[in-house]
Amino acid sequence: AARRMMEIAIGTGRAAEHFQKIIELQGGNQAVVDDPALLPQAAEVELFVAPRRGFVARIEPRAVGRGVTALGGGRTTMEDKLDLSVGFVISARPGDWVELGEPLATIFARDRAGVEIGRTALRAAITIGDEADPPLPLVSHRVTSKGVELLVGD
């Protein structure tokens, strides 16, 4: 039932209208929903590729976050100004098999120095191994009136 409600919201455009309202309430330009080219664009865009063949064993989220901050897309103090054009799009997922040179992510940076910062961060964040760990469960806990419960598989 929830999937059907989601499909209807997306198909009728209600989801996009709701998203536009959220953007407007936060002081943003709601036109970006219809025209993403209005968003800030990075001066440098480069692929980050697999250094070897194997399984994507791990993607460390804290290392990714520190990399985004180092690029200028995150804050270390409240006064820091965010550069909304920088960051990463990570296309690889844990458990994926990748070949040497296959794209794992895209780096969006202000300049060439930022691309190097991005490469360093992604080298620390993405581990390629000879074996894949089993995927983590999509849902591991649930909150009930009795508190938080660990979900146990069948």
Foldseek 3Di string as FASTA:
>chain_A
DVVVVVCCCVVVVVVLVVVLVVQVVVPHDSCCSVPVVPWDAFPDKDFAFDQAWAFFAFFAVVLQVVLCVVLQQDDPDPPRDHDRHWGKDAPHDQGDTHHHGHTGMMTGHNDPVSVVSNNVSRVVGTDGDHDGDPDDDPDQWDQDPVGIGGDDDD
